Amino acid sequence: MARIVMKFGGTSVADIDRIRNVAQRVKKEVDLGNQVSVFVSAMAGTTDKLIGWVEEISPLHDAREYDTVVSAGEQITAGLLALALQNIGIPARSWLGWQIPFRTNQVHSAARVEEIGTDAINERMNEGVVCVIAGFQGISDDNRITTLGRGGSDTSAVALAAAIGADRCDIYTDVEGVYTTDPRIVPKARKLDKITYEEMLEMASLGAKVLQTRSVAMAMNHRVRVQVLSSFTDKPGTMVVDEDEIVEKQVVSGIAYAKNEAQVTLVGVKNKPGIASDIFTLLADGNINVDMIIQNETEDGKKTDLTFTVTQTDLEKAEEMLNRADNIEFDNLITDVNVAKISVIGVGMRSHAGVAATMFKALADKGINIQVISTSEIKISVLIEAEYTELAVRALHTAYGLDGE
């Protein structure tokens, strides 16, 4: 007997028929003798509708009431799935975040899990009851409903799996697993049987939409084995596991891309100690995340050009803050949203030379110019013109031998 936490996203529970389909999948695990808890998202489109209502009635809304409204979507799904399970003879009961409880901080709409009560869930699972839990939500110390923000349902599921010592956390989506790159761009992209936490974390942060970074980071920290698989097929998915579980490591496991990047260049910044600290502290104070950074000194060494990237949604705010800053002097500020970040990822990079050279040659052969480069132990990212995104992804996928049959 194993303990399994299952999580189903919005497309998996989009209507009554799909909720019944989910109930059958849960039944299969129960019939195997496993103890099961299930997390559900709101039905597809529900959360957006609820957010729309909030913004229509109160554009400058109270975040506490926002959470009260938006958390309702998962509550509906949890109740419906519990009923669907009962109708096919599976003992089931729905649970909301406050009933477990999922204790969080008080940062409404982006709360962090601080503590999970496990006594009641453990008791019900030991009795053979399937616990159907509303994902994405918790309760703060002042007894207000909170929501966990983007990727919150995945994070909820992984957090509970860690807390109850589950053998596996299965994340059901509309794709069959984690691929070497986006199959819509590269039809020969292959589904990976296994991928390391570190690789999945890089892919999630660099544009892959299969899992959110928060859930992957939590799985890595608590060593929760996660499986990504489809609600609509019976094929095995991709296991996200510790590096020790992968015997033969690929040099490059995948190619990721992100089109929501914006490049900012500060031309003629006074070259003095602490200027970079001033610039990036300012942006950090504005909750603006900076990614790729490159600095070029002028010939006389008195000034420097500083280039970095932010998300396109943060660009206007970053420009405004830099232009207003009294302690940061520069000759000109240039921005460009016509850029994309392309990344190659693989734990095998640690022990193989020439990975960067292969990347640069593949792009050069296609006439693609590299604007900015950044690296980590298992990743190389470059910034290129956005119009070459798909060409670059296909070229790199082939160059690293990732194409399937």
Protein backbone atom coordinates (compact mmCIF):
# COMPACT_ATOMS: atom_id res chain seq x y z
CA MET A 1 0.00 0.00 0.00
CA ALA A 2 1.25 3.46 -0.91
CA ARG A 3 0.22 6.97 0.00
CA ILE A 4 -0.55 9.02 -3.09
CA VAL A 5 -1.42 12.69 -3.43
CA MET A 6 -3.15 13.46 -6.74
CA LYS A 7 -3.67 16.96 -8.13
CA PHE A 8 -5.96 17.87 -11.04
CA GLY A 9 -5.75 21.22 -12.84
CA GLY A 10 -8.53 23.33 -14.27
CA THR A 11 -8.70 21.65 -17.67
CA SER A 12 -8.90 18.23 -15.98
CA VAL A 13 -12.05 19.30 -14.08
CA ALA A 14 -13.45 21.69 -16.70
CA ASP A 15 -16.96 20.21 -16.70
CA ILE A 16 -19.07 17.48 -15.06
CA ASP A 17 -17.96 14.77 -17.50
CA ARG A 18 -14.30 15.52 -16.80
CA ILE A 19 -14.93 15.50 -13.06
CA ARG A 20 -16.47 12.03 -13.47
CA ASN A 21 -13.38 11.01 -15.44
CA VAL A 22 -11.18 12.23 -12.58
CA ALA A 23 -13.27 10.20 -10.14
CA GLN A 24 -12.53 7.07 -12.17
CA ARG A 25 -8.80 7.80 -12.09
CA VAL A 26 -8.94 8.21 -8.33
CA LYS A 27 -10.89 4.95 -8.05
CA LYS A 28 -8.08 3.10 -9.87
CA GLU A 29 -5.61 4.17 -7.19
CA VAL A 30 -8.02 3.21 -4.42
CA ASP A 31 -8.64 -0.19 -6.04
CA LEU A 32 -4.89 -0.80 -5.93
CA GLY A 33 -5.11 -0.51 -2.16
CA ASN A 34 -3.51 2.93 -1.96
CA GLN A 35 -4.40 5.70 0.46
CA VAL A 36 -5.32 8.77 -1.57
CA SER A 37 -5.73 12.50 -1.10
CA VAL A 38 -6.79 14.65 -4.05
CA PHE A 39 -6.23 18.35 -4.70
CA VAL A 40 -8.38 20.15 -7.25
CA SER A 41 -8.20 23.48 -9.02
CA ALA A 42 -11.23 25.53 -10.00
CA MET A 43 -13.01 24.46 -13.17
CA ALA A 44 -11.34 25.98 -16.25
CA GLY A 45 -12.26 29.66 -16.63
CA THR A 46 -13.86 29.96 -13.19
CA THR A 47 -11.00 31.77 -11.46
CA ASP A 48 -10.72 34.32 -14.28
CA LYS A 49 -14.46 34.94 -14.03
CA LEU A 50 -14.26 35.45 -10.26
CA ILE A 51 -11.30 37.83 -10.62
CA GLY A 52 -13.22 39.74 -13.27
CA TRP A 53 -16.16 40.22 -10.94
CA VAL A 54 -13.88 41.48 -8.18
CA GLU A 55 -12.19 43.98 -10.48
CA GLU A 56 -15.52 45.12 -11.92
CA ILE A 57 -17.07 45.87 -8.56
CA SER A 58 -13.89 47.27 -6.94
CA PRO A 59 -10.82 48.03 -9.08
CA LEU A 60 -8.86 49.01 -5.94
CA HIS A 61 -10.12 46.04 -3.96
CA ASP A 62 -9.41 44.79 -0.46
CA ALA A 63 -7.06 41.81 -0.89
CA ARG A 64 -8.78 39.92 1.93
CA GLU A 65 -12.13 40.05 0.14
CA TYR A 66 -10.41 39.18 -3.14
CA ASP A 67 -9.23 35.93 -1.54
CA THR A 68 -12.70 35.21 -0.17
CA VAL A 69 -14.20 35.45 -3.65
CA VAL A 70 -11.45 33.81 -5.69
CA SER A 71 -11.05 30.79 -3.39
CA ALA A 72 -14.67 29.80 -4.07
CA GLY A 73 -13.79 28.12 -7.37
CA GLU A 74 -11.79 25.31 -5.76
CA GLN A 75 -14.49 24.81 -3.12
CA ILE A 76 -17.06 24.06 -5.82
CA THR A 77 -14.81 21.53 -7.56
CA ALA A 78 -13.90 19.76 -4.32
CA GLY A 79 -17.55 19.25 -3.43
CA LEU A 80 -18.47 18.02 -6.90
CA LEU A 81 -15.59 15.53 -7.03
CA ALA A 82 -16.42 14.19 -3.56
CA LEU A 83 -20.00 13.59 -4.76
CA ALA A 84 -18.77 11.92 -7.97
CA LEU A 85 -16.59 9.56 -5.92
CA GLN A 86 -19.43 8.73 -3.53
CA ASN A 87 -21.64 7.90 -6.51
CA ILE A 88 -19.20 5.19 -7.66
CA GLY A 89 -18.85 3.67 -4.21
CA ILE A 90 -15.67 5.41 -3.01
CA PRO A 91 -15.81 6.91 0.50
CA ALA A 92 -14.86 10.56 0.03
CA ARG A 93 -15.14 13.87 1.83
CA SER A 94 -14.29 17.41 0.69
CA TRP A 95 -11.96 19.67 2.68
CA LEU A 96 -11.27 23.38 2.47
CA GLY A 97 -7.92 24.91 3.33
CA TRP A 98 -9.03 26.16 6.75
CA GLN A 99 -10.38 22.73 7.75
CA ILE A 100 -7.02 20.95 7.47
CA PRO A 101 -5.71 23.60 8.33
CA PHE A 102 -3.23 25.03 5.81
CA ARG A 103 -1.65 27.79 7.92
CA THR A 104 -0.16 30.62 5.86
CA ASN A 105 1.24 34.08 6.34
CA GLN A 106 -1.01 37.12 5.84
CA VAL A 107 0.14 38.09 2.34
CA HIS A 108 -3.24 37.84 0.66
CA SER A 109 -3.34 36.58 -2.95
CA ALA A 110 0.30 35.43 -2.67
CA ALA A 111 0.42 33.65 0.69
CA ARG A 112 3.15 31.21 1.73
CA VAL A 113 2.43 27.94 3.54
CA GLU A 114 3.89 27.96 7.06
CA GLU A 115 2.36 24.90 8.72
CA ILE A 116 -0.01 22.07 7.80
CA GLY A 117 -2.21 20.17 10.22
CA THR A 118 -2.00 16.46 9.38
CA ASP A 119 -3.85 14.69 12.21
CA ALA A 120 -7.32 14.75 10.68
CA ILE A 121 -6.11 13.92 7.16
CA ASN A 122 -3.97 11.03 8.42
CA GLU A 123 -6.93 9.68 10.38
CA ARG A 124 -9.30 9.78 7.39
CA MET A 125 -6.74 8.27 5.00
CA ASN A 126 -6.09 5.42 7.45
CA GLU A 127 -9.85 4.80 7.46
CA GLY A 128 -9.83 4.49 3.66
CA VAL A 129 -11.56 7.80 3.00
CA VAL A 130 -10.42 9.82 -0.03
CA CYS A 131 -9.78 13.40 1.09
CA VAL A 132 -10.73 15.82 -1.70
CA ILE A 133 -9.03 19.12 -0.92
CA ALA A 134 -9.56 22.57 -2.39
CA GLY A 135 -6.15 23.65 -3.64
CA PHE A 136 -4.71 27.17 -3.81
CA GLN A 137 -6.01 28.24 -0.40
CA GLY A 138 -5.20 28.40 3.29
CA ILE A 139 -5.92 30.40 6.41
CA SER A 140 -3.90 33.13 8.10
CA ASP A 141 -3.25 33.63 11.81
CA ASP A 142 -6.16 36.09 11.96
CA ASN A 143 -8.49 33.40 10.57
CA ARG A 144 -8.92 34.98 7.14
CA ILE A 145 -8.98 32.88 3.98
CA THR A 146 -5.80 33.31 1.93
CA THR A 147 -4.87 32.23 -1.57
CA LEU A 148 -1.40 31.08 -2.60
CA GLY A 149 -1.08 32.86 -5.93
CA ARG A 150 0.17 31.48 -9.21
CA GLY A 151 0.77 27.72 -9.10
CA GLY A 152 -0.90 27.56 -5.69
CA SER A 153 -2.75 24.29 -6.24
CA ASP A 154 0.44 22.47 -7.27
CA THR A 155 2.21 23.96 -4.26
CA SER A 156 -0.62 22.84 -1.96
CA ALA A 157 -0.40 19.29 -3.24
CA VAL A 158 3.37 19.02 -2.89
CA ALA A 159 3.26 20.61 0.57
CA LEU A 160 0.75 18.06 1.85
CA ALA A 161 2.67 15.20 0.22
CA ALA A 162 5.73 16.30 2.16
CA ALA A 163 3.78 16.73 5.41
CA ILE A 164 2.15 13.29 5.37
CA GLY A 165 5.15 11.45 3.94
CA ALA A 166 3.44 10.49 0.67
CA ASP A 167 5.22 8.08 -1.64
CA ARG A 168 4.39 10.21 -4.68
CA CYS A 169 2.60 13.36 -5.77
CA ASP A 170 0.90 13.02 -9.16
CA ILE A 171 0.19 16.29 -11.00
CA TYR A 172 -2.41 15.74 -13.74
CA THR A 173 -2.43 18.29 -16.57
CA ASP A 174 -3.39 18.48 -20.24
CA VAL A 175 0.04 17.23 -21.40
CA GLU A 176 1.53 13.75 -21.08
CA GLY A 177 4.65 14.83 -19.21
CA VAL A 178 7.74 17.00 -19.49
CA TYR A 179 9.16 17.28 -23.00
CA THR A 180 12.60 18.18 -24.25
CA THR A 181 11.01 21.37 -25.56
CA ASP A 182 7.62 22.71 -26.64
CA PRO A 183 6.13 20.08 -29.03
CA ARG A 184 4.16 22.83 -30.77
CA ILE A 185 7.45 24.28 -32.01
CA VAL A 186 9.41 21.05 -32.41
CA PRO A 187 7.20 18.09 -33.43
CA LYS A 188 10.16 15.75 -32.74
CA ALA A 189 10.33 16.79 -29.09
CA ARG A 190 10.52 13.74 -26.81
CA LYS A 191 8.79 13.10 -23.51
CA LEU A 192 11.29 12.56 -20.72
CA ASP A 193 10.85 9.53 -18.46
CA LYS A 194 12.70 11.27 -15.63
CA ILE A 195 14.04 14.73 -14.95
CA THR A 196 15.91 16.06 -11.93
CA TYR A 197 14.48 18.63 -9.56
CA GLU A 198 17.21 21.08 -10.58
CA GLU A 199 16.47 20.69 -14.29
CA MET A 200 12.72 21.00 -13.76
CA LEU A 201 13.23 24.09 -11.61
CA GLU A 202 15.30 25.73 -14.36
CA MET A 203 12.79 24.78 -17.05
CA ALA A 204 9.86 26.06 -14.99
CA SER A 205 11.59 29.37 -14.29
CA LEU A 206 12.63 29.76 -17.93
CA GLY A 207 9.26 29.46 -19.57
CA ALA A 208 8.15 25.81 -19.46
CA LYS A 209 4.50 25.86 -18.34
CA VAL A 210 4.15 22.28 -17.03
CA LEU A 211 4.93 23.07 -13.38
CA GLN A 212 5.33 26.28 -11.44
CA THR A 213 8.65 27.08 -9.79
CA ARG A 214 7.20 27.22 -6.25
CA SER A 215 5.93 23.65 -6.38
CA VAL A 216 9.18 22.35 -7.88
CA ALA A 217 11.28 24.15 -5.26
CA MET A 218 9.14 22.68 -2.48
CA ALA A 219 9.40 19.19 -3.97
CA MET A 220 13.19 19.56 -4.20
CA ASN A 221 13.53 20.86 -0.64
CA HIS A 222 11.47 18.01 0.81
CA ARG A 223 12.50 15.33 -1.73
CA VAL A 224 8.92 14.63 -2.79
CA ARG A 225 8.79 12.42 -5.88
CA VAL A 226 6.51 14.18 -8.38
CA GLN A 227 4.95 12.69 -11.50
CA VAL A 228 3.59 14.89 -14.29
CA LEU A 229 1.01 13.13 -16.46
CA SER A 230 -2.12 13.67 -18.50
CA SER A 231 -5.72 13.39 -17.33
CA PHE A 232 -6.77 12.36 -20.83
CA THR A 233 -4.51 9.37 -21.60
CA ASP A 234 -3.34 6.29 -19.70
CA LYS A 235 0.32 6.71 -20.62
CA PRO A 236 3.03 6.99 -17.94
CA GLY A 237 4.18 10.54 -17.25
CA THR A 238 7.50 12.12 -16.32
CA MET A 239 8.97 11.58 -12.86
CA VAL A 240 10.66 14.56 -11.21
CA VAL A 241 13.24 13.00 -8.93
CA ASP A 242 16.56 13.39 -7.16
CA GLU A 243 19.61 13.34 -9.40
CA ASP A 244 20.75 10.06 -7.80
CA GLU A 245 17.74 8.27 -9.34
CA ILE A 246 18.87 9.02 -12.88
CA VAL A 247 21.58 6.56 -13.92
CA GLU A 248 22.54 7.98 -17.31
CA LYS A 249 22.38 11.77 -17.30
CA GLN A 250 21.87 13.65 -20.56
CA VAL A 251 24.30 16.49 -21.26
CA VAL A 252 21.28 18.61 -22.24
CA SER A 253 17.81 17.53 -21.18
CA GLY A 254 15.75 20.33 -22.65
CA ILE A 255 15.43 23.65 -24.44
CA ALA A 256 13.26 26.36 -22.85
CA TYR A 257 12.22 29.76 -24.15
CA ALA A 258 10.49 32.86 -22.80
CA LYS A 259 9.00 35.64 -24.92
CA ASN A 260 7.93 37.92 -22.08
CA GLU A 261 11.39 39.45 -21.67
CA ALA A 262 12.37 43.09 -22.01
CA GLN A 263 15.90 44.46 -22.33
CA VAL A 264 16.95 47.62 -20.53
CA THR A 265 20.23 49.43 -21.29
CA LEU A 266 21.54 52.31 -19.21
CA VAL A 267 24.00 54.14 -21.44
CA GLY A 268 26.81 56.22 -19.93
CA VAL A 269 26.45 55.26 -16.28
CA LYS A 270 29.14 56.86 -14.11
CA ASN A 271 31.66 54.12 -13.40
CA LYS A 272 32.09 54.28 -9.63
CA PRO A 273 31.98 51.77 -6.77
CA GLY A 274 28.45 50.96 -5.65
CA ILE A 275 26.60 52.11 -8.75
CA ALA A 276 25.44 48.60 -9.66
CA SER A 277 24.29 48.13 -6.07
CA ASP A 278 22.31 51.37 -6.24
CA ILE A 279 20.60 50.35 -9.48
CA PHE A 280 19.63 46.81 -8.51
CA THR A 281 18.71 47.69 -4.92
CA LEU A 282 16.30 50.28 -6.33
CA LEU A 283 14.68 47.70 -8.59
CA ALA A 284 14.57 45.08 -5.83
CA ASP A 285 12.80 47.54 -3.55
CA GLY A 286 10.19 47.87 -6.30
CA ASN A 287 9.77 44.05 -6.41
CA ILE A 288 11.20 44.00 -9.92
CA ASN A 289 13.08 40.80 -10.70
CA VAL A 290 16.22 41.29 -12.79
CA ASP A 291 17.55 38.35 -14.76
CA MET A 292 20.40 38.61 -17.27
CA ILE A 293 23.04 41.30 -16.67
CA ILE A 294 25.97 42.49 -18.77
CA GLN A 295 28.29 45.49 -18.24
CA ASN A 296 30.64 47.18 -20.72
CA GLU A 297 33.09 49.91 -19.74
CA THR A 298 33.89 52.80 -22.08
CA GLU A 299 37.40 53.06 -23.45
CA ASP A 300 38.50 55.65 -20.91
CA GLY A 301 36.96 53.67 -18.04
CA LYS A 302 34.99 56.65 -16.72
CA LYS A 303 31.56 55.40 -17.79
CA THR A 304 29.88 52.09 -18.37
CA ASP A 305 26.87 50.72 -20.26
CA LEU A 306 24.74 48.40 -18.13
CA THR A 307 22.28 46.02 -19.80
CA PHE A 308 19.82 43.75 -18.00
CA THR A 309 16.46 42.07 -18.54
CA VAL A 310 13.14 42.29 -16.71
CA THR A 311 9.72 40.91 -17.54
CA GLN A 312 7.68 42.98 -19.97
CA THR A 313 5.05 43.56 -17.28
CA ASP A 314 7.70 45.22 -15.07
CA LEU A 315 9.29 47.31 -17.83
CA GLU A 316 7.24 50.49 -17.45
CA LYS A 317 7.68 50.48 -13.67
CA ALA A 318 11.45 49.90 -14.01
CA GLU A 319 11.80 52.82 -16.47
CA GLU A 320 9.85 55.13 -14.19
CA MET A 321 11.89 54.23 -11.11
CA LEU A 322 15.25 54.63 -12.88
CA ASN A 323 14.32 57.98 -14.42
CA ARG A 324 13.21 59.32 -11.04
CA ALA A 325 16.22 58.11 -9.04
CA ASP A 326 18.40 61.02 -7.87
CA ASN A 327 21.41 58.86 -7.04
CA ILE A 328 21.68 57.13 -10.43
CA GLU A 329 23.14 59.17 -13.30
CA PHE A 330 23.18 57.98 -16.91
CA ASP A 331 23.15 59.54 -20.38
CA ASN A 332 20.31 57.55 -21.89
CA LEU A 333 17.88 54.71 -21.17
CA ILE A 334 17.09 52.34 -24.04
CA THR A 335 14.51 49.54 -23.90
CA ASP A 336 13.64 46.70 -26.26
CA VAL A 337 10.70 44.29 -25.97
CA ASN A 338 11.49 42.55 -29.25
CA VAL A 339 13.65 39.95 -27.49
CA ALA A 340 13.36 36.34 -26.30
CA LYS A 341 15.38 34.27 -23.90
CA ILE A 342 16.50 30.82 -25.09
CA SER A 343 18.00 28.36 -22.60
CA VAL A 344 19.64 24.95 -22.73
CA ILE A 345 19.37 22.93 -19.52
CA GLY A 346 20.99 19.73 -18.27
CA VAL A 347 22.73 18.35 -15.19
CA GLY A 348 25.20 16.67 -17.56
CA MET A 349 26.76 20.08 -18.23
CA ARG A 350 28.64 19.74 -14.94
CA SER A 351 30.88 17.04 -16.41
CA HIS A 352 30.94 17.85 -20.15
CA ALA A 353 32.88 20.53 -21.99
CA GLY A 354 31.79 22.26 -25.19
CA VAL A 355 28.11 22.77 -24.36
CA ALA A 356 28.33 26.53 -24.84
CA ALA A 357 30.34 26.20 -28.03
CA THR A 358 27.66 23.92 -29.51
CA MET A 359 24.98 26.46 -28.64
CA PHE A 360 26.83 29.42 -30.11
CA LYS A 361 27.72 27.56 -33.32
CA ALA A 362 24.15 26.33 -33.85
CA LEU A 363 22.81 29.87 -33.54
CA ALA A 364 25.57 31.35 -35.70
CA ASP A 365 24.87 28.81 -38.44
CA LYS A 366 21.29 30.12 -38.56
CA GLY A 367 22.43 33.75 -38.62
CA ILE A 368 21.05 34.47 -35.15
CA ASN A 369 22.88 37.15 -33.17
CA ILE A 370 23.34 36.80 -29.40
CA GLN A 371 22.73 39.97 -27.39
CA VAL A 372 23.23 38.82 -23.77
CA ILE A 373 24.54 35.61 -22.20
CA SER A 374 24.06 34.22 -18.70
CA THR A 375 25.06 30.86 -17.23
CA SER A 376 24.64 28.66 -14.20
CA GLU A 377 25.99 25.22 -13.35
CA ILE A 378 23.30 23.44 -15.38
CA LYS A 379 22.01 26.19 -17.71
CA ILE A 380 23.09 28.53 -20.48
CA SER A 381 20.71 31.32 -21.52
CA VAL A 382 20.99 33.80 -24.37
CA LEU A 383 18.92 36.78 -25.40
CA ILE A 384 18.07 37.02 -29.10
CA GLU A 385 15.61 38.88 -31.34
CA ALA A 386 12.11 37.54 -30.72
CA GLU A 387 11.44 36.80 -34.39
CA TYR A 388 14.10 34.06 -34.30
CA THR A 389 12.65 32.22 -31.28
CA GLU A 390 11.24 29.17 -33.04
CA LEU A 391 14.20 28.86 -35.40
CA ALA A 392 16.60 28.97 -32.45
CA VAL A 393 14.68 26.36 -30.46
CA ARG A 394 14.55 23.96 -33.41
CA ALA A 395 18.23 24.46 -34.23
CA LEU A 396 19.36 23.83 -30.65
CA HIS A 397 17.07 20.85 -30.21
CA THR A 398 18.73 19.22 -33.21
CA ALA A 399 22.24 20.34 -32.29
CA TYR A 400 22.09 18.58 -28.92
CA GLY A 401 20.65 15.36 -30.36
CA LEU A 402 17.25 15.72 -28.70
CA ASP A 403 15.11 15.05 -31.80
CA GLY A 404 12.97 11.92 -31.57
CA GLU A 405 11.76 9.74 -34.38
